[in-house]
Structures are given as C-alpha cells and as structure tokens.
Amino acid sequence: MEAIISYFSSHPTVLVIGVVLVIIFFLNFIFKSLFKLVLLVLVILFLTMGYYYFIAPEKVPDQIQETIETMKSGVEGFTEKGKSFYKDSKDLYKKGKNAPGDVNRLLKESEEEVGKK
C-alpha cells in the first residue's frame, strides 16, 4: 500500500489521468442509463395514450392534457435536480482542480517548518 501511495505521490500525472478516466466512465454510465430511462418513459407514454384512445376516443384530448400536465411537473423536478447536479459537479471540479496546488503548498509549508526546527 505504501508503494502505491509513494508511486502516485511521485507521479501525480498518473493519478490525474486515472481520476479523469474514472470520471469519464462514470459519466458514460450515467448518460447511457439516462438515455434508456428516457426511452422507457416515452414507450410508457405512448402505450398510455394508445390505451386511452382505444377505451374512449372522445375523451382523449382531456386525458392527454392531464397526462401532459403530469409530465410537465415531473420534467420540471428533473430539470431542477439536473441543474443542481451540474452546479455541484462544477464546484467539485473546481475543488479538484485546486487540490494539487493546495497539497503542494501544504508540503512546502511542512518542509519549511521541518527546516526551521
């Protein structure tokens, strides 16, 4: 374990590349799942609209309007969650971007303290 830590501390680019690859893999997984979820919701929506059409064709416009209102409320909630996820991810990226500089600054400070003692 100590050898791994010393390797990453002496080669920070390898650590950065590894973290970037993990993030890319994670985002790929999220968007694949999101695409499948959107397709599933669309299929369910079309099946529901078809069911309403065959049961009572004269009431379809009212039922479709009700379904659209339900979908709008769901989409608004999803949009808010997506925006907060984006904002949190952006903040996390900025913190991660500043982390190597902060670590180097702390290491220099500790080296200076050791040198003074």
C-alpha atoms as a PDB file:
ATOM      1  CA  MET A   1       0.000   0.000   0.000  1.00  0.00           C
ATOM      2  CA  GLU A   2       2.854   2.325   0.850  1.00  0.00           C
ATOM      3  CA  ALA A   3       4.474   1.610  -2.515  1.00  0.00           C
ATOM      4  CA  ILE A   4       1.280   2.601  -4.329  1.00  0.00           C
ATOM      5  CA  ILE A   5       0.986   5.833  -2.370  1.00  0.00           C
ATOM      6  CA  SER A   6       4.628   6.707  -2.978  1.00  0.00           C
ATOM      7  CA  TYR A   7       4.223   5.933  -6.703  1.00  0.00           C
ATOM      8  CA  PHE A   8       1.223   8.265  -7.007  1.00  0.00           C
ATOM      9  CA  SER A   9       2.925  10.972  -4.962  1.00  0.00           C
ATOM     10  CA  SER A  10       5.987  10.853  -7.214  1.00  0.00           C
ATOM     11  CA  HIS A  11       3.862  10.625 -10.416  1.00  0.00           C
ATOM     12  CA  PRO A  12       0.825  12.885  -9.933  1.00  0.00           C
ATOM     13  CA  THR A  13       0.037  12.858 -13.659  1.00  0.00           C
ATOM     14  CA  VAL A  14      -0.765   9.157 -13.480  1.00  0.00           C
ATOM     15  CA  LEU A  15      -3.165   9.856 -10.624  1.00  0.00           C
ATOM     16  CA  VAL A  16      -4.827  12.695 -12.559  1.00  0.00           C
ATOM     17  CA  ILE A  17      -5.202  10.533 -15.669  1.00  0.00           C
ATOM     18  CA  GLY A  18      -6.691   7.729 -13.567  1.00  0.00           C
ATOM     19  CA  VAL A  19      -9.188  10.070 -11.935  1.00  0.00           C
ATOM     20  CA  VAL A  20     -10.171  11.533 -15.322  1.00  0.00           C
ATOM     21  CA  LEU A  21     -10.743   8.038 -16.731  1.00  0.00           C
ATOM     22  CA  VAL A  22     -12.919   7.103 -13.753  1.00  0.00           C
ATOM     23  CA  ILE A  23     -14.953  10.301 -14.184  1.00  0.00           C
ATOM     24  CA  ILE A  24     -15.404   9.643 -17.919  1.00  0.00           C
ATOM     25  CA  PHE A  25     -16.515   6.080 -17.186  1.00  0.00           C
ATOM     26  CA  PHE A  26     -18.963   7.336 -14.546  1.00  0.00           C
ATOM     27  CA  LEU A  27     -20.447   9.974 -16.889  1.00  0.00           C
ATOM     28  CA  ASN A  28     -20.756   7.414 -19.688  1.00  0.00           C
ATOM     29  CA  PHE A  29     -22.682   5.114 -17.343  1.00  0.00           C
ATOM     30  CA  ILE A  30     -24.978   7.950 -16.224  1.00  0.00           C
ATOM     31  CA  PHE A  31     -25.816   9.074 -19.752  1.00  0.00           C
ATOM     32  CA  LYS A  32     -26.382   5.525 -21.000  1.00  0.00           C
ATOM     33  CA  SER A  33     -28.800   4.930 -18.139  1.00  0.00           C
ATOM     34  CA  LEU A  34     -30.428   8.304 -18.702  1.00  0.00           C
ATOM     35  CA  PHE A  35     -30.988   7.517 -22.392  1.00  0.00           C
ATOM     36  CA  LYS A  36     -32.563   4.167 -21.520  1.00  0.00           C
ATOM     37  CA  LEU A  37     -34.770   5.848 -18.934  1.00  0.00           C
ATOM     38  CA  VAL A  38     -35.976   8.464 -21.441  1.00  0.00           C
ATOM     39  CA  LEU A  39     -36.790   5.741 -23.981  1.00  0.00           C
ATOM     40  CA  LEU A  40     -38.684   3.752 -21.349  1.00  0.00           C
ATOM     41  CA  VAL A  41     -40.715   6.815 -20.317  1.00  0.00           C
ATOM     42  CA  LEU A  42     -41.580   7.558 -23.952  1.00  0.00           C
ATOM     43  CA  VAL A  43     -42.736   3.977 -24.557  1.00  0.00           C
ATOM     44  CA  ILE A  44     -44.893   4.090 -21.424  1.00  0.00           C
ATOM     45  CA  LEU A  45     -46.316   7.463 -22.506  1.00  0.00           C
ATOM     46  CA  PHE A  46     -47.254   6.173 -25.977  1.00  0.00           C
ATOM     47  CA  LEU A  47     -48.774   2.991 -24.537  1.00  0.00           C
ATOM     48  CA  THR A  48     -50.851   5.045 -22.104  1.00  0.00           C
ATOM     49  CA  MET A  49     -52.062   7.385 -24.837  1.00  0.00           C
ATOM     50  CA  GLY A  50     -52.960   4.406 -27.055  1.00  0.00           C
ATOM     51  CA  TYR A  51     -54.874   2.775 -24.206  1.00  0.00           C
ATOM     52  CA  TYR A  52     -56.875   5.952 -23.605  1.00  0.00           C
ATOM     53  CA  TYR A  53     -57.566   6.256 -27.338  1.00  0.00           C
ATOM     54  CA  PHE A  54     -58.984   2.734 -27.606  1.00  0.00           C
ATOM     55  CA  ILE A  55     -61.055   2.966 -24.389  1.00  0.00           C
ATOM     56  CA  ALA A  56     -62.713   6.347 -25.011  1.00  0.00           C
ATOM     57  CA  PRO A  57     -61.672   8.174 -28.205  1.00  0.00           C
ATOM     58  CA  GLU A  58     -63.878  11.182 -27.445  1.00  0.00           C
ATOM     59  CA  LYS A  59     -62.170  11.807 -24.072  1.00  0.00           C
ATOM     60  CA  VAL A  60     -58.617  11.535 -25.394  1.00  0.00           C
ATOM     61  CA  PRO A  61     -57.876  15.294 -25.623  1.00  0.00           C
ATOM     62  CA  ASP A  62     -58.797  15.820 -21.950  1.00  0.00           C
ATOM     63  CA  GLN A  63     -56.805  12.825 -20.805  1.00  0.00           C
ATOM     64  CA  ILE A  64     -53.823  13.780 -22.960  1.00  0.00           C
ATOM     65  CA  GLN A  65     -53.877  17.288 -21.487  1.00  0.00           C
ATOM     66  CA  GLU A  66     -53.914  15.801 -17.986  1.00  0.00           C
ATOM     67  CA  THR A  67     -51.029  13.494 -18.870  1.00  0.00           C
ATOM     68  CA  ILE A  68     -49.081  16.409 -20.346  1.00  0.00           C
ATOM     69  CA  GLU A  69     -49.548  18.417 -17.144  1.00  0.00           C
ATOM     70  CA  THR A  70     -48.303  15.464 -15.094  1.00  0.00           C
ATOM     71  CA  MET A  71     -45.276  15.087 -17.366  1.00  0.00           C
ATOM     72  CA  LYS A  72     -44.512  18.831 -17.147  1.00  0.00           C
ATOM     73  CA  SER A  73     -44.407  18.705 -13.357  1.00  0.00           C
ATOM     74  CA  GLY A  74     -42.132  15.657 -13.498  1.00  0.00           C
ATOM     75  CA  VAL A  75     -39.824  17.241 -16.052  1.00  0.00           C
ATOM     76  CA  GLU A  76     -39.572  20.457 -14.013  1.00  0.00           C
ATOM     77  CA  GLY A  77     -38.483  18.461 -10.958  1.00  0.00           C
ATOM     78  CA  PHE A  78     -35.994  16.508 -13.053  1.00  0.00           C
ATOM     79  CA  THR A  79     -34.652  19.735 -14.557  1.00  0.00           C
ATOM     80  CA  GLU A  80     -34.082  21.251 -11.122  1.00  0.00           C
ATOM     81  CA  LYS A  81     -32.237  18.132  -9.986  1.00  0.00           C
ATOM     82  CA  GLY A  82     -30.134  18.181 -13.164  1.00  0.00           C
ATOM     83  CA  LYS A  83     -29.211  21.824 -12.630  1.00  0.00           C
ATOM     84  CA  SER A  84     -28.205  21.201  -9.020  1.00  0.00           C
ATOM     85  CA  PHE A  85     -26.192  18.142 -10.115  1.00  0.00           C
ATOM     86  CA  TYR A  86     -24.404  20.247 -12.732  1.00  0.00           C
ATOM     87  CA  LYS A  87     -23.680  23.007 -10.226  1.00  0.00           C
ATOM     88  CA  ASP A  88     -22.391  20.535  -7.626  1.00  0.00           C
ATOM     89  CA  SER A  89     -20.248  18.787 -10.251  1.00  0.00           C
ATOM     90  CA  LYS A  90     -18.820  22.116 -11.364  1.00  0.00           C
ATOM     91  CA  ASP A  91     -17.939  23.041  -7.764  1.00  0.00           C
ATOM     92  CA  LEU A  92     -16.374  19.632  -7.217  1.00  0.00           C
ATOM     93  CA  TYR A  93     -14.335  20.020 -10.423  1.00  0.00           C
ATOM     94  CA  LYS A  94     -13.035  23.398  -9.274  1.00  0.00           C
ATOM     95  CA  LYS A  95     -12.081  21.978  -5.876  1.00  0.00           C
ATOM     96  CA  GLY A  96     -10.392  19.010  -7.554  1.00  0.00           C
ATOM     97  CA  LYS A  97      -8.552  21.331  -9.897  1.00  0.00           C
ATOM     98  CA  ASN A  98      -7.207  23.354  -6.962  1.00  0.00           C
ATOM     99  CA  ALA A  99      -6.339  20.295  -4.852  1.00  0.00           C
ATOM    100  CA  PRO A 100      -2.864  19.577  -6.312  1.00  0.00           C
ATOM    101  CA  GLY A 101      -1.814  23.191  -5.755  1.00  0.00           C
ATOM    102  CA  ASP A 102      -3.129  23.089  -2.192  1.00  0.00           C
ATOM    103  CA  VAL A 103      -1.286  19.845  -1.496  1.00  0.00           C
ATOM    104  CA  ASN A 104       1.948  21.278  -2.900  1.00  0.00           C
ATOM    105  CA  ARG A 105       1.522  24.417  -0.786  1.00  0.00           C
ATOM    106  CA  LEU A 106       0.979  22.306   2.347  1.00  0.00           C
ATOM    107  CA  LEU A 107       4.016  20.174   1.526  1.00  0.00           C
ATOM    108  CA  LYS A 108       6.189  23.283   1.074  1.00  0.00           C
ATOM    109  CA  GLU A 109       4.925  24.718   4.372  1.00  0.00           C
ATOM    110  CA  SER A 110       5.659  21.475   6.207  1.00  0.00           C
ATOM    111  CA  GLU A 111       9.129  21.291   4.630  1.00  0.00           C
ATOM    112  CA  GLU A 112       9.792  24.856   5.769  1.00  0.00           C
ATOM    113  CA  GLU A 113       8.632  24.008   9.301  1.00  0.00           C
ATOM    114  CA  VAL A 114      10.880  20.945   9.394  1.00  0.00           C
ATOM    115  CA  GLY A 115      13.767  23.019   8.077  1.00  0.00           C
ATOM    116  CA  LYS A 116      13.222  25.630  10.820  1.00  0.00           C
ATOM    117  CA  LYS A 117      13.187  23.061  13.614  1.00  0.00           C
END
